[in-house]
């Protein structure tokens, strides 16, 4: 089912998405309302407590790059957030990603595997709580992240980007403290080995009949907010 079909089902019936439906997982650019990341995904589970989606290998996504074509991660940190950007379409290479978002939490948890379904790690992506619209979910990334290994050890990620985003004016001191506080709460969940880490998602596998969701032409359309 396409995002457009899911739009009708979700908006008209007030129901949650069914396993196998296609939706969009999008991020707004920091410091503005424009969308700069879009990933078509397949719904795995959608309940009042949890949204789980699968981003398959080979999915065509939208990502930002610098206006001169330089990949964002290759730009020196000092100018990474100040130079002009544009959005481009890019295929997701490598293994797929399972994304888990608990209702209202300011982070989502992503699971990564190496080839042969060898589980690599969990990744806690600190972000605005997901906002639903008829065709998917929107958020804003908060730069700071946490990697959690299979042996339950963890470490902060991208602290340099988090600090640089503040220097570049993309995040004020009050918001930065809220993000840090959210990260500390996430670490408490890791240390207690709470959900979703204890729930066995590393053994999950996608339905082989699922096809890769297409990227719609109007991926950046303004949504009608529903939650």
N, C-alpha and C. Protein backbone atom coordinates (compact mmCIF):
# COMPACT_ATOMS: atom_id res chain seq x y z
N UNK A 1 0.85 -1.19 0.00
CA UNK A 1 0.00 0.00 0.00
C UNK A 1 0.88 1.23 0.00
N UNK A 2 0.57 2.22 -0.80
CA UNK A 2 1.36 3.42 -0.90
C UNK A 2 1.02 4.38 0.23
N UNK A 3 1.85 5.42 0.38
CA UNK A 3 1.57 6.44 1.38
C UNK A 3 0.24 7.11 1.09
N UNK A 4 -0.10 7.30 -0.19
CA UNK A 4 -1.37 7.92 -0.53
C UNK A 4 -2.54 7.07 -0.08
N UNK A 5 -2.45 5.75 -0.26
CA UNK A 5 -3.52 4.87 0.19
C UNK A 5 -3.61 4.86 1.70
N UNK A 6 -2.43 4.83 2.36
CA UNK A 6 -2.43 4.88 3.82
C UNK A 6 -3.06 6.17 4.30
N UNK A 7 -2.85 7.28 3.54
CA UNK A 7 -3.44 8.57 3.88
C UNK A 7 -4.95 8.43 4.04
N UNK A 8 -5.59 7.80 3.09
CA UNK A 8 -7.05 7.66 3.12
C UNK A 8 -7.49 6.77 4.29
N UNK A 9 -6.78 5.66 4.45
CA UNK A 9 -7.15 4.73 5.51
C UNK A 9 -7.02 5.37 6.88
N UNK A 10 -5.89 6.05 7.10
CA UNK A 10 -5.61 6.59 8.43
C UNK A 10 -6.49 7.79 8.73
N UNK A 11 -6.63 8.69 7.77
CA UNK A 11 -7.36 9.92 8.04
C UNK A 11 -8.86 9.66 8.12
N UNK A 12 -9.37 8.85 7.20
CA UNK A 12 -10.81 8.66 7.14
C UNK A 12 -11.31 7.74 8.23
N UNK A 13 -10.56 6.67 8.49
CA UNK A 13 -11.05 5.69 9.44
C UNK A 13 -10.56 5.88 10.85
N UNK A 14 -9.55 6.75 11.04
CA UNK A 14 -9.01 6.95 12.37
C UNK A 14 -8.27 5.74 12.90
N UNK A 15 -7.91 4.82 12.04
CA UNK A 15 -7.25 3.60 12.46
C UNK A 15 -5.73 3.78 12.41
N UNK A 16 -5.04 2.83 12.98
CA UNK A 16 -3.59 2.84 12.88
C UNK A 16 -3.18 2.08 11.63
N UNK A 17 -1.92 2.30 11.24
CA UNK A 17 -1.43 1.63 10.05
C UNK A 17 -1.28 0.14 10.30
N UNK A 18 -1.52 -0.63 9.27
CA UNK A 18 -1.39 -2.08 9.36
C UNK A 18 -0.01 -2.52 8.92
N UNK A 19 0.43 -3.67 9.43
CA UNK A 19 1.71 -4.24 9.01
C UNK A 19 1.72 -4.40 7.49
N UNK A 20 2.80 -3.95 6.88
CA UNK A 20 2.93 -4.04 5.43
C UNK A 20 2.58 -2.77 4.69
N UNK A 21 1.93 -1.80 5.36
CA UNK A 21 1.62 -0.54 4.71
C UNK A 21 2.88 0.31 4.57
N UNK A 22 2.89 1.17 3.56
CA UNK A 22 4.01 2.07 3.31
C UNK A 22 3.69 3.47 3.81
N UNK A 23 4.62 4.05 4.56
CA UNK A 23 4.48 5.42 5.03
C UNK A 23 5.83 6.13 4.84
N UNK A 24 5.89 7.41 5.17
CA UNK A 24 7.11 8.20 5.06
C UNK A 24 7.59 8.60 6.45
N UNK A 25 8.88 8.46 6.67
CA UNK A 25 9.53 8.89 7.92
C UNK A 25 10.40 10.08 7.54
N UNK A 26 10.02 11.28 8.02
CA UNK A 26 10.66 12.50 7.53
C UNK A 26 11.24 13.33 8.69
N UNK A 27 12.23 14.17 8.33
CA UNK A 27 12.83 15.10 9.29
C UNK A 27 12.85 16.51 8.72
N UNK A 28 12.51 17.47 9.56
CA UNK A 28 12.63 18.87 9.20
C UNK A 28 14.08 19.32 9.39
N UNK A 29 14.48 20.31 8.60
CA UNK A 29 15.80 20.90 8.79
C UNK A 29 15.83 21.66 10.11
N UNK A 30 16.92 21.59 10.82
CA UNK A 30 17.04 22.27 12.10
C UNK A 30 17.01 23.78 11.90
N UNK A 31 16.23 24.45 12.73
CA UNK A 31 16.11 25.88 12.64
C UNK A 31 15.12 26.37 11.60
N UNK A 32 14.32 25.46 11.04
CA UNK A 32 13.33 25.86 10.03
C UNK A 32 12.25 24.80 9.91
N UNK A 33 11.33 25.03 8.97
CA UNK A 33 10.22 24.11 8.77
C UNK A 33 10.37 23.23 7.54
N UNK A 34 11.36 23.53 6.69
CA UNK A 34 11.52 22.77 5.46
C UNK A 34 11.96 21.34 5.76
N UNK A 35 11.42 20.39 5.01
CA UNK A 35 11.80 19.00 5.15
C UNK A 35 13.07 18.74 4.36
N UNK A 36 14.00 18.00 4.96
CA UNK A 36 15.25 17.73 4.24
C UNK A 36 15.66 16.26 4.27
N UNK A 37 14.91 15.43 4.97
CA UNK A 37 15.15 13.99 4.98
C UNK A 37 13.81 13.29 4.83
N UNK A 38 13.76 12.31 3.93
CA UNK A 38 12.54 11.52 3.76
C UNK A 38 12.93 10.09 3.45
N UNK A 39 12.36 9.14 4.21
CA UNK A 39 12.67 7.73 4.03
C UNK A 39 11.37 6.93 3.94
N UNK A 40 11.06 6.38 2.78
CA UNK A 40 9.90 5.49 2.68
C UNK A 40 10.15 4.20 3.47
N UNK A 41 9.21 3.81 4.28
CA UNK A 41 9.37 2.65 5.15
C UNK A 41 8.11 1.79 5.13
N UNK A 42 8.27 0.56 5.59
CA UNK A 42 7.15 -0.37 5.70
C UNK A 42 6.80 -0.55 7.17
N UNK A 43 5.52 -0.45 7.48
CA UNK A 43 5.07 -0.60 8.87
C UNK A 43 5.22 -2.06 9.30
N UNK A 44 5.85 -2.25 10.45
CA UNK A 44 5.98 -3.56 11.08
C UNK A 44 4.92 -3.74 12.16
N UNK A 45 4.76 -2.71 12.97
CA UNK A 45 3.77 -2.74 14.05
C UNK A 45 3.38 -1.31 14.38
N UNK A 46 2.11 -1.09 14.64
CA UNK A 46 1.65 0.24 15.03
C UNK A 46 0.58 0.08 16.10
N UNK A 47 0.95 0.40 17.34
CA UNK A 47 0.05 0.31 18.48
C UNK A 47 0.08 1.64 19.22
N UNK A 48 -0.77 1.85 20.21
CA UNK A 48 -0.69 3.10 20.98
C UNK A 48 0.66 3.29 21.67
N UNK A 49 1.38 2.22 21.91
CA UNK A 49 2.66 2.32 22.62
C UNK A 49 3.86 2.41 21.69
N UNK A 50 3.77 1.82 20.49
CA UNK A 50 4.98 1.66 19.67
C UNK A 50 4.66 1.72 18.19
N UNK A 51 5.51 2.44 17.45
CA UNK A 51 5.53 2.36 16.00
C UNK A 51 6.85 1.73 15.59
N UNK A 52 6.78 0.63 14.85
CA UNK A 52 7.97 -0.05 14.34
C UNK A 52 7.88 -0.07 12.82
N UNK A 53 8.97 0.35 12.15
CA UNK A 53 8.99 0.37 10.69
C UNK A 53 10.30 -0.20 10.19
N UNK A 54 10.28 -0.66 8.94
CA UNK A 54 11.45 -1.26 8.31
C UNK A 54 11.85 -0.44 7.10
N UNK A 55 13.11 0.00 7.07
CA UNK A 55 13.66 0.64 5.88
C UNK A 55 14.54 -0.37 5.16
N UNK A 56 14.09 -0.78 4.00
CA UNK A 56 14.74 -1.88 3.28
C UNK A 56 15.98 -1.41 2.55
N UNK A 57 16.94 -2.31 2.35
CA UNK A 57 18.10 -1.98 1.50
C UNK A 57 17.62 -1.59 0.11
N UNK A 58 18.27 -0.60 -0.48
CA UNK A 58 17.90 -0.17 -1.82
C UNK A 58 16.80 0.87 -1.88
N UNK A 59 16.26 1.30 -0.73
CA UNK A 59 15.20 2.29 -0.71
C UNK A 59 15.72 3.64 -1.22
N UNK A 60 14.96 4.26 -2.12
CA UNK A 60 15.31 5.61 -2.59
C UNK A 60 14.79 6.61 -1.57
N UNK A 61 15.71 7.40 -1.02
CA UNK A 61 15.40 8.37 0.04
C UNK A 61 15.77 9.77 -0.42
N UNK A 62 15.45 10.75 0.42
CA UNK A 62 15.89 12.12 0.22
C UNK A 62 16.81 12.48 1.38
N UNK A 63 17.93 13.12 1.06
CA UNK A 63 18.87 13.53 2.09
C UNK A 63 19.44 14.89 1.72
N UNK A 64 20.00 15.62 2.69
CA UNK A 64 20.65 16.89 2.38
C UNK A 64 22.09 16.69 1.95
N UNK A 65 22.58 17.61 1.12
CA UNK A 65 24.00 17.71 0.83
C UNK A 65 24.30 19.20 0.65
N UNK A 66 25.56 19.57 0.65
CA UNK A 66 25.90 20.96 0.43
C UNK A 66 25.57 21.36 -1.01
N UNK A 67 25.34 22.64 -1.22
CA UNK A 67 24.92 23.11 -2.53
C UNK A 67 25.93 22.80 -3.63
N UNK A 68 27.21 22.65 -3.26
CA UNK A 68 28.22 22.32 -4.25
C UNK A 68 28.36 20.83 -4.47
N UNK A 69 27.50 20.03 -3.84
CA UNK A 69 27.51 18.59 -4.02
C UNK A 69 28.31 17.83 -2.99
N UNK A 70 28.95 18.51 -2.06
CA UNK A 70 29.74 17.85 -1.02
C UNK A 70 28.82 17.12 -0.04
N UNK A 71 29.07 15.83 0.24
CA UNK A 71 28.28 15.16 1.27
C UNK A 71 28.46 15.86 2.61
N UNK A 72 27.39 15.94 3.38
CA UNK A 72 27.42 16.69 4.65
C UNK A 72 28.53 16.18 5.56
N UNK A 73 28.68 14.86 5.68
CA UNK A 73 29.64 14.31 6.64
C UNK A 73 31.08 14.55 6.22
N UNK A 74 31.31 14.96 4.96
CA UNK A 74 32.68 15.23 4.51
C UNK A 74 33.07 16.70 4.65
N UNK A 75 32.11 17.55 4.95
CA UNK A 75 32.40 18.97 5.15
C UNK A 75 33.02 19.17 6.53
N UNK A 76 34.08 19.98 6.65
CA UNK A 76 34.66 20.25 7.97
C UNK A 76 33.60 20.74 8.95
N UNK A 77 33.74 20.33 10.18
CA UNK A 77 32.72 20.62 11.19
C UNK A 77 32.46 22.12 11.33
N UNK A 78 33.48 22.93 11.20
CA UNK A 78 33.33 24.37 11.41
C UNK A 78 32.35 25.02 10.44
N UNK A 79 32.21 24.46 9.24
CA UNK A 79 31.32 25.04 8.23
C UNK A 79 30.18 24.10 7.83
N UNK A 80 30.06 23.00 8.52
CA UNK A 80 29.08 21.98 8.13
C UNK A 80 27.64 22.50 8.21
N UNK A 81 27.37 23.39 9.15
CA UNK A 81 25.99 23.85 9.36
C UNK A 81 25.77 25.29 8.91
N UNK A 82 26.75 25.87 8.21
CA UNK A 82 26.60 27.25 7.77
C UNK A 82 26.56 27.39 6.26
N UNK A 83 27.10 26.44 5.52
CA UNK A 83 27.10 26.53 4.06
C UNK A 83 25.72 26.17 3.50
N UNK A 84 25.35 26.74 2.35
CA UNK A 84 24.05 26.43 1.74
C UNK A 84 23.91 24.94 1.42
N UNK A 85 22.68 24.46 1.51
CA UNK A 85 22.39 23.05 1.25
C UNK A 85 21.28 22.91 0.21
N UNK A 86 21.15 21.69 -0.27
CA UNK A 86 20.06 21.29 -1.14
C UNK A 86 19.68 19.86 -0.79
N UNK A 87 18.57 19.39 -1.29
CA UNK A 87 18.17 18.01 -1.08
C UNK A 87 18.37 17.22 -2.36
N UNK A 88 18.77 15.97 -2.19
CA UNK A 88 18.99 15.08 -3.34
C UNK A 88 18.39 13.71 -3.03
N UNK A 89 18.10 12.99 -4.08
CA UNK A 89 17.64 11.61 -3.93
C UNK A 89 18.85 10.69 -3.89
N UNK A 90 18.77 9.69 -3.03
CA UNK A 90 19.90 8.78 -2.86
C UNK A 90 19.38 7.43 -2.42
N UNK A 91 19.97 6.38 -2.96
CA UNK A 91 19.55 5.02 -2.60
C UNK A 91 20.25 4.58 -1.31
N UNK A 92 19.48 3.95 -0.39
CA UNK A 92 20.05 3.45 0.85
C UNK A 92 20.79 2.14 0.57
N UNK A 93 22.10 2.20 0.69
CA UNK A 93 22.91 1.01 0.45
C UNK A 93 23.20 0.30 1.77
N UNK A 94 23.69 -0.92 1.69
CA UNK A 94 23.97 -1.69 2.89
C UNK A 94 22.73 -2.40 3.39
N UNK A 95 22.79 -2.84 4.61
CA UNK A 95 21.67 -3.57 5.19
C UNK A 95 20.55 -2.61 5.59
N UNK A 96 19.37 -3.15 5.81
CA UNK A 96 18.24 -2.32 6.19
C UNK A 96 18.30 -1.90 7.64
N UNK A 97 17.33 -1.07 8.03
CA UNK A 97 17.27 -0.53 9.38
C UNK A 97 15.86 -0.70 9.93
N UNK A 98 15.75 -1.24 11.13
CA UNK A 98 14.48 -1.33 11.85
C UNK A 98 14.41 -0.16 12.81
N UNK A 99 13.34 0.66 12.71
CA UNK A 99 13.20 1.84 13.56
C UNK A 99 12.03 1.63 14.51
N UNK A 100 12.27 1.92 15.79
CA UNK A 100 11.27 1.76 16.84
C UNK A 100 11.08 3.09 17.54
N UNK A 101 9.84 3.53 17.65
CA UNK A 101 9.54 4.79 18.33
C UNK A 101 8.39 4.58 19.29
N UNK A 102 8.66 4.79 20.57
CA UNK A 102 7.61 4.69 21.58
C UNK A 102 6.89 6.03 21.68
N UNK A 103 5.61 5.98 21.89
CA UNK A 103 4.77 7.17 21.85
C UNK A 103 5.26 8.25 22.81
N UNK A 104 5.48 9.45 22.31
CA UNK A 104 5.83 10.60 23.13
C UNK A 104 7.28 10.70 23.53
N UNK A 105 8.10 9.70 23.24
CA UNK A 105 9.50 9.75 23.66
C UNK A 105 10.32 10.62 22.70
N UNK A 106 11.27 11.41 23.24
CA UNK A 106 12.08 12.26 22.39
C UNK A 106 13.30 11.53 21.81
N UNK A 107 13.10 10.32 21.41
CA UNK A 107 14.13 9.54 20.71
C UNK A 107 13.47 8.36 20.03
N UNK A 108 14.15 7.82 19.05
CA UNK A 108 13.76 6.54 18.45
C UNK A 108 14.97 5.62 18.53
N UNK A 109 14.73 4.33 18.47
CA UNK A 109 15.79 3.34 18.58
C UNK A 109 15.87 2.58 17.25
N UNK A 110 17.05 2.58 16.66
CA UNK A 110 17.25 1.93 15.36
C UNK A 110 18.12 0.69 15.56
N UNK A 111 17.81 -0.36 14.83
CA UNK A 111 18.60 -1.60 14.89
C UNK A 111 19.32 -1.80 13.57
N UNK A 112 20.62 -2.12 13.67
CA UNK A 112 21.46 -2.35 12.50
C UNK A 112 22.00 -3.77 12.53
N UNK A 113 22.10 -4.35 11.34
CA UNK A 113 22.69 -5.67 11.17
C UNK A 113 23.80 -5.61 10.14
N UNK A 114 24.80 -6.49 10.28
CA UNK A 114 25.77 -6.70 9.22
C UNK A 114 25.22 -7.76 8.28
N UNK A 115 25.93 -8.03 7.23
CA UNK A 115 25.47 -9.03 6.26
C UNK A 115 25.28 -10.38 6.94
N UNK A 116 24.31 -11.13 6.45
CA UNK A 116 24.00 -12.42 7.05
C UNK A 116 23.18 -12.30 8.32
N UNK A 117 22.59 -11.12 8.54
CA UNK A 117 21.76 -10.86 9.71
C UNK A 117 22.53 -11.03 11.02
N UNK A 118 23.79 -10.67 10.99
CA UNK A 118 24.56 -10.62 12.23
C UNK A 118 24.28 -9.29 12.90
N UNK A 119 23.66 -9.32 14.08
CA UNK A 119 23.25 -8.09 14.74
C UNK A 119 24.46 -7.26 15.13
N UNK A 120 24.41 -5.97 14.77
CA UNK A 120 25.54 -5.07 15.04
C UNK A 120 25.32 -4.25 16.30
N UNK A 121 24.24 -3.45 16.33
CA UNK A 121 24.01 -2.58 17.49
C UNK A 121 22.65 -1.89 17.40
N UNK A 122 22.25 -1.34 18.55
CA UNK A 122 21.14 -0.40 18.61
C UNK A 122 21.70 1.02 18.51
N UNK A 123 20.88 1.93 18.01
CA UNK A 123 21.29 3.33 17.87
C UNK A 123 20.14 4.19 18.37
N UNK A 124 20.39 4.96 19.42
CA UNK A 124 19.36 5.83 19.98
C UNK A 124 19.49 7.19 19.33
N UNK A 125 18.51 7.54 18.51
CA UNK A 125 18.53 8.81 17.78
C UNK A 125 17.68 9.83 18.55
N UNK A 126 18.35 10.79 19.20
CA UNK A 126 17.62 11.81 19.95
C UNK A 126 16.96 12.78 18.97
N UNK A 127 15.67 13.04 19.19
CA UNK A 127 14.88 13.80 18.22
C UNK A 127 13.59 14.27 18.87
N UNK A 128 12.88 15.15 18.16
CA UNK A 128 11.54 15.53 18.62
C UNK A 128 10.63 14.30 18.59
N UNK A 129 9.71 14.18 19.57
CA UNK A 129 8.74 13.08 19.49
C UNK A 129 8.05 13.10 18.13
N UNK A 130 7.84 11.94 17.56
CA UNK A 130 7.24 11.85 16.23
C UNK A 130 5.86 12.49 16.21
N UNK A 131 5.59 13.23 15.14
CA UNK A 131 4.25 13.79 14.92
C UNK A 131 3.65 13.07 13.72
N UNK A 132 2.50 12.48 13.94
CA UNK A 132 1.84 11.73 12.88
C UNK A 132 1.09 12.66 11.94
N UNK A 133 1.09 12.29 10.69
CA UNK A 133 0.18 12.88 9.72
C UNK A 133 -0.34 11.71 8.89
N UNK A 134 -1.23 11.99 7.97
CA UNK A 134 -1.94 10.89 7.31
C UNK A 134 -1.02 9.95 6.54
N UNK A 135 0.10 10.47 6.02
CA UNK A 135 0.98 9.63 5.22
C UNK A 135 2.26 9.21 5.89
N UNK A 136 2.42 9.52 7.19
CA UNK A 136 3.65 9.12 7.85
C UNK A 136 3.89 9.87 9.13
N UNK A 137 5.18 10.07 9.46
CA UNK A 137 5.57 10.74 10.70
C UNK A 137 6.69 11.73 10.41
N UNK A 138 6.70 12.84 11.17
CA UNK A 138 7.72 13.88 11.03
C UNK A 138 8.41 14.10 12.37
N UNK A 139 9.67 14.54 12.29
CA UNK A 139 10.43 14.85 13.49
C UNK A 139 11.51 15.87 13.13
N UNK A 140 12.35 16.17 14.12
CA UNK A 140 13.53 17.01 13.91
C UNK A 140 14.68 16.38 14.69
N UNK A 141 15.77 16.13 14.01
CA UNK A 141 16.91 15.48 14.64
C UNK A 141 17.60 16.43 15.62
N UNK A 142 18.15 15.87 16.71
CA UNK A 142 18.80 16.68 17.74
C UNK A 142 20.30 16.46 17.83
N UNK A 143 20.90 15.89 16.77
CA UNK A 143 22.35 15.76 16.62
C UNK A 143 22.97 14.72 17.54
N UNK A 144 22.67 14.76 18.82
CA UNK A 144 23.30 13.88 19.79
C UNK A 144 22.66 12.49 19.75
N UNK A 145 23.49 11.45 19.80
CA UNK A 145 22.99 10.08 19.70
C UNK A 145 23.73 9.17 20.67
N UNK A 146 23.24 7.93 20.77
CA UNK A 146 23.84 6.94 21.67
C UNK A 146 23.91 5.61 20.93
N UNK A 147 25.06 4.97 20.96
CA UNK A 147 25.21 3.62 20.42
C UNK A 147 25.16 2.62 21.57
N UNK A 148 24.39 1.55 21.37
CA UNK A 148 24.26 0.50 22.39
C UNK A 148 24.68 -0.82 21.75
N UNK A 149 25.66 -1.47 22.33
CA UNK A 149 26.21 -2.70 21.78
C UNK A 149 25.48 -3.93 22.30
N UNK A 150 25.63 -5.08 21.62
CA UNK A 150 24.97 -6.30 22.09
C UNK A 150 25.34 -6.71 23.51
N UNK A 151 26.54 -6.31 23.97
CA UNK A 151 26.93 -6.65 25.33
C UNK A 151 26.41 -5.64 26.36
N UNK A 152 25.53 -4.73 25.92
CA UNK A 152 24.86 -3.72 26.74
C UNK A 152 25.74 -2.53 27.11
N UNK A 153 26.95 -2.47 26.59
CA UNK A 153 27.74 -1.27 26.78
C UNK A 153 27.21 -0.19 25.84
N UNK A 154 27.46 1.07 26.19
CA UNK A 154 26.93 2.16 25.38
C UNK A 154 27.93 3.31 25.38
N UNK A 155 27.75 4.23 24.43
CA UNK A 155 28.57 5.44 24.41
C UNK A 155 27.82 6.54 23.65
N UNK A 156 28.14 7.77 24.00
CA UNK A 156 27.59 8.92 23.29
C UNK A 156 28.17 8.97 21.89
N UNK A 157 27.37 9.48 20.96
CA UNK A 157 27.82 9.68 19.59
C UNK A 157 27.54 11.11 19.15
N UNK A 158 28.40 11.62 18.30
CA UNK A 158 28.20 12.92 17.63
C UNK A 158 28.14 14.10 18.60
N UNK A 159 28.87 13.99 19.71
CA UNK A 159 28.91 15.12 20.64
C UNK A 159 29.52 16.36 20.00
N UNK A 160 30.47 16.15 19.07
CA UNK A 160 31.07 17.30 18.40
C UNK A 160 30.05 18.02 17.52
N UNK A 161 29.19 17.27 16.83
CA UNK A 161 28.15 17.88 16.01
C UNK A 161 27.12 18.60 16.89
N UNK A 162 26.80 18.02 18.01
CA UNK A 162 25.86 18.63 18.95
C UNK A 162 26.37 19.99 19.42
N UNK A 163 27.65 20.06 19.76
CA UNK A 163 28.23 21.32 20.21
C UNK A 163 28.33 22.33 19.06
N UNK A 164 28.69 21.85 17.87
CA UNK A 164 28.81 22.75 16.73
C UNK A 164 27.45 23.31 16.32
N UNK A 165 26.41 22.50 16.41
CA UNK A 165 25.06 22.97 16.08
C UNK A 165 24.66 24.12 16.99
N UNK A 166 25.08 24.07 18.25
CA UNK A 166 24.79 25.18 19.16
C UNK A 166 25.58 26.42 18.77
N UNK A 167 26.85 26.25 18.42
CA UNK A 167 27.66 27.40 18.01
C UNK A 167 27.12 28.04 16.73
N UNK A 168 26.51 27.20 15.86
CA UNK A 168 25.97 27.70 14.60
C UNK A 168 24.58 28.30 14.75
N UNK A 169 24.04 28.28 15.97
CA UNK A 169 22.74 28.88 16.21
C UNK A 169 21.55 28.00 15.85
N UNK A 170 21.77 26.71 15.63
CA UNK A 170 20.68 25.81 15.29
C UNK A 170 19.96 25.27 16.52
N UNK A 171 20.54 25.51 17.69
CA UNK A 171 19.96 25.01 18.93
C UNK A 171 20.38 25.93 20.07
N UNK A 172 19.40 26.48 20.80
CA UNK A 172 19.70 27.34 21.92
C UNK A 172 20.08 26.56 23.16
N UNK A 173 20.53 27.28 24.18
CA UNK A 173 21.00 26.64 25.41
C UNK A 173 19.90 25.86 26.10
N UNK A 174 18.68 26.40 26.13
CA UNK A 174 17.58 25.71 26.81
C UNK A 174 17.23 24.42 26.09
N UNK A 175 17.16 24.47 24.75
CA UNK A 175 16.86 23.25 24.00
C UNK A 175 17.97 22.24 24.16
N UNK A 176 19.22 22.70 24.14
CA UNK A 176 20.34 21.78 24.29
C UNK A 176 20.28 21.05 25.62
N UNK A 177 19.89 21.74 26.67
CA UNK A 177 19.76 21.09 27.97
C UNK A 177 18.63 20.08 27.96
N UNK A 178 17.53 20.39 27.27
CA UNK A 178 16.44 19.41 27.17
C UNK A 178 16.89 18.17 26.43
N UNK A 179 17.71 18.35 25.40
CA UNK A 179 18.21 17.20 24.65
C UNK A 179 19.14 16.37 25.52
N UNK A 180 20.02 17.04 26.26
CA UNK A 180 20.91 16.32 27.18
C UNK A 180 20.10 15.53 28.21
N UNK A 181 19.06 16.17 28.74
CA UNK A 181 18.22 15.49 29.73
C UNK A 181 17.53 14.27 29.11
N UNK A 182 17.07 14.42 27.87
CA UNK A 182 16.45 13.28 27.18
C UNK A 182 17.47 12.16 27.00
N UNK A 183 18.71 12.53 26.65
CA UNK A 183 19.75 11.52 26.51
C UNK A 183 20.03 10.80 27.81
N UNK A 184 20.02 11.53 28.91
CA UNK A 184 20.24 10.88 30.22
C UNK A 184 19.11 9.91 30.55
N UNK A 185 17.88 10.29 30.20
CA UNK A 185 16.76 9.38 30.43
C UNK A 185 16.89 8.13 29.56
N UNK A 186 17.34 8.32 28.33
CA UNK A 186 17.53 7.16 27.46
C UNK A 186 18.61 6.23 28.02
N UNK A 187 19.67 6.82 28.56
CA UNK A 187 20.73 6.00 29.16
C UNK A 187 20.18 5.21 30.35
N UNK A 188 19.29 5.81 31.13
CA UNK A 188 18.67 5.08 32.24
C UNK A 188 17.90 3.87 31.74
N UNK A 189 17.22 4.02 30.61
CA UNK A 189 16.50 2.88 30.03
C UNK A 189 17.49 1.79 29.61
N UNK A 190 18.60 2.20 29.02
CA UNK A 190 19.61 1.23 28.61
C UNK A 190 20.17 0.49 29.82
N UNK A 191 20.51 1.23 30.86
CA UNK A 191 21.10 0.60 32.04
C UNK A 191 20.13 -0.36 32.72
N UNK A 192 18.83 -0.03 32.67
CA UNK A 192 17.82 -0.92 33.25
C UNK A 192 17.42 -2.02 32.28
N UNK A 193 17.92 -1.94 31.07
CA UNK A 193 17.60 -2.86 29.97
C UNK A 193 16.08 -2.96 29.78
N UNK A 194 15.49 -1.77 29.65
CA UNK A 194 14.06 -1.68 29.42
C UNK A 194 13.71 -1.82 27.95
N UNK A 195 12.43 -1.63 27.63
CA UNK A 195 12.00 -1.69 26.24
C UNK A 195 12.57 -0.51 25.47
N UNK A 196 12.97 -0.72 24.21
CA UNK A 196 12.77 -1.94 23.40
C UNK A 196 13.96 -2.89 23.42
N UNK A 197 14.99 -2.59 24.22
CA UNK A 197 16.22 -3.39 24.18
C UNK A 197 16.00 -4.83 24.64
N UNK A 198 15.09 -5.02 25.57
CA UNK A 198 14.86 -6.35 26.13
C UNK A 198 13.86 -7.17 25.33
N UNK A 199 13.30 -6.59 24.26
CA UNK A 199 12.13 -7.18 23.62
C UNK A 199 12.43 -8.13 22.48
N UNK A 200 13.70 -8.41 22.20
CA UNK A 200 14.04 -9.41 21.20
C UNK A 200 13.95 -8.95 19.75
N UNK A 201 13.91 -7.64 19.52
CA UNK A 201 13.78 -7.16 18.16
C UNK A 201 14.99 -7.53 17.29
N UNK A 202 16.12 -7.79 17.89
CA UNK A 202 17.28 -8.16 17.09
C UNK A 202 17.09 -9.47 16.33
N UNK A 203 16.10 -10.28 16.76
CA UNK A 203 15.79 -11.54 16.08
C UNK A 203 14.67 -11.39 15.05
N UNK A 204 14.14 -10.18 14.91
CA UNK A 204 13.06 -9.93 13.95
C UNK A 204 13.61 -9.99 12.52
N UNK A 205 12.75 -10.43 11.59
CA UNK A 205 13.10 -10.44 10.18
C UNK A 205 11.92 -9.93 9.36
N UNK A 206 12.17 -9.19 8.27
CA UNK A 206 11.08 -8.68 7.44
C UNK A 206 10.40 -9.79 6.64
N UNK A 207 9.16 -9.56 6.30
CA UNK A 207 8.42 -10.47 5.45
C UNK A 207 9.07 -10.47 4.07
N UNK A 208 9.49 -11.62 3.55
CA UNK A 208 10.17 -11.63 2.24
C UNK A 208 9.26 -11.18 1.10
N UNK A 209 7.95 -11.16 1.33
CA UNK A 209 7.03 -10.72 0.28
C UNK A 209 6.93 -9.19 0.19
N UNK A 210 7.44 -8.48 1.19
CA UNK A 210 7.35 -7.02 1.16
C UNK A 210 8.19 -6.47 0.01
N UNK A 211 7.64 -5.49 -0.71
CA UNK A 211 8.40 -4.80 -1.75
C UNK A 211 8.95 -3.50 -1.18
N UNK A 212 9.94 -2.95 -1.85
CA UNK A 212 10.54 -1.70 -1.40
C UNK A 212 9.56 -0.56 -1.67
N UNK A 213 9.26 0.25 -0.66
CA UNK A 213 8.33 1.37 -0.88
C UNK A 213 8.92 2.40 -1.85
N UNK A 214 8.10 2.94 -2.74
CA UNK A 214 8.60 3.99 -3.63
C UNK A 214 8.64 5.34 -2.93
N UNK A 215 9.48 6.22 -3.44
CA UNK A 215 9.51 7.60 -2.96
C UNK A 215 8.54 8.41 -3.81
N UNK A 216 7.46 8.94 -3.23
CA UNK A 216 6.49 9.69 -4.04
C UNK A 216 7.06 11.03 -4.50
N UNK A 217 6.54 11.54 -5.61
CA UNK A 217 7.01 12.82 -6.13
C UNK A 217 6.73 13.95 -5.14
N UNK A 218 5.61 13.84 -4.43
CA UNK A 218 5.24 14.90 -3.49
C UNK A 218 5.63 14.55 -2.06
N UNK A 219 6.85 14.02 -1.90
CA UNK A 219 7.32 13.57 -0.59
C UNK A 219 7.36 14.70 0.44
N UNK A 220 7.48 15.95 -0.04
CA UNK A 220 7.61 17.08 0.87
C UNK A 220 6.32 17.87 1.01
N UNK A 221 5.19 17.25 0.68
CA UNK A 221 3.93 17.99 0.80
C UNK A 221 3.64 18.32 2.26
N UNK A 222 2.97 19.42 2.47
CA UNK A 222 2.62 19.85 3.83
C UNK A 222 1.53 18.94 4.36
N UNK A 223 1.75 18.29 5.50
CA UNK A 223 0.77 17.34 6.01
C UNK A 223 -0.37 18.02 6.78
N UNK A 224 -1.47 17.31 6.83
CA UNK A 224 -2.55 17.69 7.75
C UNK A 224 -2.27 16.96 9.07
N UNK A 225 -1.92 17.69 10.10
CA UNK A 225 -1.53 17.07 11.37
C UNK A 225 -2.70 16.33 12.00
N UNK A 226 -2.40 15.14 12.51
CA UNK A 226 -3.42 14.37 13.20
C UNK A 226 -2.96 13.91 14.57
N UNK A 227 -1.77 14.21 14.96
CA UNK A 227 -1.33 13.80 16.28
C UNK A 227 0.12 14.13 16.52
